[in-house]
Amino acid sequence: MDFTSLKEARQYLVDKYDMKVSDFDDMYVEEFMKLLEFDNLIIKMV
């Protein structure tokens, strides 16, 4: 899962969890993206 922008990541969260965009502020989305990047690193190492 690679997002080029916060907007894309937020939209993904909104779609995935069926929530409103306003439920996700920028900091939350940024943290989510960091976690995804971390997951991707682990997947690549395996």
N, C-alpha and C. Protein backbone atom coordinates (compact mmCIF):
# COMPACT_ATOMS: atom_id res chain seq x y z
N MET A 1 0.84 -1.20 0.00
CA MET A 1 0.00 0.00 0.00
C MET A 1 0.87 1.24 0.00
N ASP A 2 0.99 1.87 -1.10
CA ASP A 2 1.79 3.10 -1.13
C ASP A 2 0.92 4.28 -1.47
N PHE A 3 0.96 5.29 -0.63
CA PHE A 3 0.19 6.50 -0.86
C PHE A 3 1.15 7.64 -1.17
N THR A 4 0.84 8.40 -2.18
CA THR A 4 1.71 9.51 -2.52
C THR A 4 1.34 10.77 -1.75
N SER A 5 0.18 10.78 -1.13
CA SER A 5 -0.23 11.97 -0.40
C SER A 5 -1.11 11.62 0.78
N LEU A 6 -1.21 12.55 1.70
CA LEU A 6 -2.11 12.38 2.84
C LEU A 6 -3.54 12.21 2.36
N LYS A 7 -3.87 12.95 1.31
CA LYS A 7 -5.24 12.90 0.80
C LYS A 7 -5.61 11.48 0.37
N GLU A 8 -4.69 10.84 -0.34
CA GLU A 8 -4.93 9.47 -0.79
C GLU A 8 -5.06 8.52 0.40
N ALA A 9 -4.18 8.67 1.36
CA ALA A 9 -4.21 7.79 2.53
C ALA A 9 -5.50 7.99 3.30
N ARG A 10 -5.91 9.24 3.44
CA ARG A 10 -7.14 9.52 4.16
C ARG A 10 -8.34 8.91 3.42
N GLN A 11 -8.34 9.04 2.11
CA GLN A 11 -9.44 8.50 1.32
C GLN A 11 -9.50 6.98 1.48
N TYR A 12 -8.34 6.34 1.52
CA TYR A 12 -8.27 4.90 1.72
C TYR A 12 -8.90 4.52 3.07
N LEU A 13 -8.53 5.24 4.11
CA LEU A 13 -9.07 4.97 5.45
C LEU A 13 -10.58 5.16 5.46
N VAL A 14 -11.03 6.22 4.82
CA VAL A 14 -12.46 6.53 4.78
C VAL A 14 -13.21 5.39 4.09
N ASP A 15 -12.67 4.93 2.97
CA ASP A 15 -13.32 3.83 2.23
C ASP A 15 -13.27 2.53 3.02
N LYS A 16 -12.10 2.23 3.57
CA LYS A 16 -11.90 0.96 4.25
C LYS A 16 -12.76 0.84 5.50
N TYR A 17 -12.82 1.91 6.28
CA TYR A 17 -13.53 1.84 7.54
C TYR A 17 -14.90 2.51 7.50
N ASP A 18 -15.28 2.95 6.30
CA ASP A 18 -16.61 3.54 6.11
C ASP A 18 -16.85 4.67 7.11
N MET A 19 -15.92 5.59 7.16
CA MET A 19 -16.03 6.72 8.07
C MET A 19 -16.00 8.02 7.29
N LYS A 20 -16.27 9.09 7.99
CA LYS A 20 -16.21 10.41 7.35
C LYS A 20 -14.77 10.90 7.32
N VAL A 21 -14.46 11.71 6.32
CA VAL A 21 -13.11 12.25 6.21
C VAL A 21 -12.73 13.01 7.48
N SER A 22 -13.68 13.68 8.06
CA SER A 22 -13.40 14.49 9.24
C SER A 22 -12.99 13.64 10.45
N ASP A 23 -13.22 12.33 10.37
CA ASP A 23 -12.81 11.47 11.48
C ASP A 23 -11.30 11.30 11.54
N PHE A 24 -10.62 11.64 10.45
CA PHE A 24 -9.18 11.45 10.40
C PHE A 24 -8.47 12.79 10.24
N ASP A 25 -7.79 13.22 11.28
CA ASP A 25 -7.02 14.44 11.13
C ASP A 25 -5.65 14.10 10.54
N ASP A 26 -4.91 15.11 10.15
CA ASP A 26 -3.64 14.89 9.45
C ASP A 26 -2.66 14.06 10.26
N MET A 27 -2.59 14.33 11.56
CA MET A 27 -1.61 13.60 12.37
C MET A 27 -1.94 12.12 12.39
N TYR A 28 -3.20 11.79 12.53
CA TYR A 28 -3.61 10.39 12.54
C TYR A 28 -3.24 9.72 11.23
N VAL A 29 -3.54 10.39 10.13
CA VAL A 29 -3.25 9.83 8.81
C VAL A 29 -1.75 9.65 8.62
N GLU A 30 -0.97 10.62 9.08
CA GLU A 30 0.49 10.51 8.96
C GLU A 30 1.00 9.30 9.75
N GLU A 31 0.48 9.11 10.95
CA GLU A 31 0.89 7.96 11.76
C GLU A 31 0.53 6.66 11.05
N PHE A 32 -0.66 6.63 10.47
CA PHE A 32 -1.11 5.46 9.74
C PHE A 32 -0.17 5.16 8.58
N MET A 33 0.24 6.20 7.86
CA MET A 33 1.15 6.02 6.73
C MET A 33 2.50 5.49 7.20
N LYS A 34 2.97 5.98 8.34
CA LYS A 34 4.25 5.49 8.89
C LYS A 34 4.14 4.00 9.22
N LEU A 35 3.03 3.61 9.81
CA LEU A 35 2.84 2.20 10.14
C LEU A 35 2.83 1.35 8.88
N LEU A 36 2.16 1.83 7.84
CA LEU A 36 2.13 1.09 6.57
C LEU A 36 3.53 0.96 6.00
N GLU A 37 4.30 2.03 6.04
CA GLU A 37 5.67 1.99 5.52
C GLU A 37 6.49 0.96 6.30
N PHE A 38 6.29 0.93 7.60
CA PHE A 38 6.98 -0.03 8.45
C PHE A 38 6.58 -1.45 8.06
N ASP A 39 5.29 -1.69 7.88
CA ASP A 39 4.81 -3.00 7.44
C ASP A 39 5.43 -3.39 6.11
N ASN A 40 5.49 -2.44 5.18
CA ASN A 40 6.06 -2.71 3.87
C ASN A 40 7.53 -3.11 3.97
N LEU A 41 8.25 -2.45 4.88
CA LEU A 41 9.66 -2.79 5.07
C LEU A 41 9.80 -4.23 5.55
N ILE A 42 8.95 -4.60 6.50
CA ILE A 42 9.00 -5.96 7.05
C ILE A 42 8.67 -6.98 5.95
N ILE A 43 7.66 -6.67 5.16
CA ILE A 43 7.26 -7.57 4.07
C ILE A 43 8.42 -7.75 3.08
N LYS A 44 9.10 -6.64 2.78
CA LYS A 44 10.22 -6.71 1.84
C LYS A 44 11.37 -7.54 2.39
N MET A 45 11.56 -7.50 3.72
CA MET A 45 12.68 -8.23 4.32
C MET A 45 12.41 -9.73 4.39
N VAL A 46 11.17 -10.10 4.45
CA VAL A 46 10.82 -11.52 4.61
C VAL A 46 11.18 -12.31 3.37
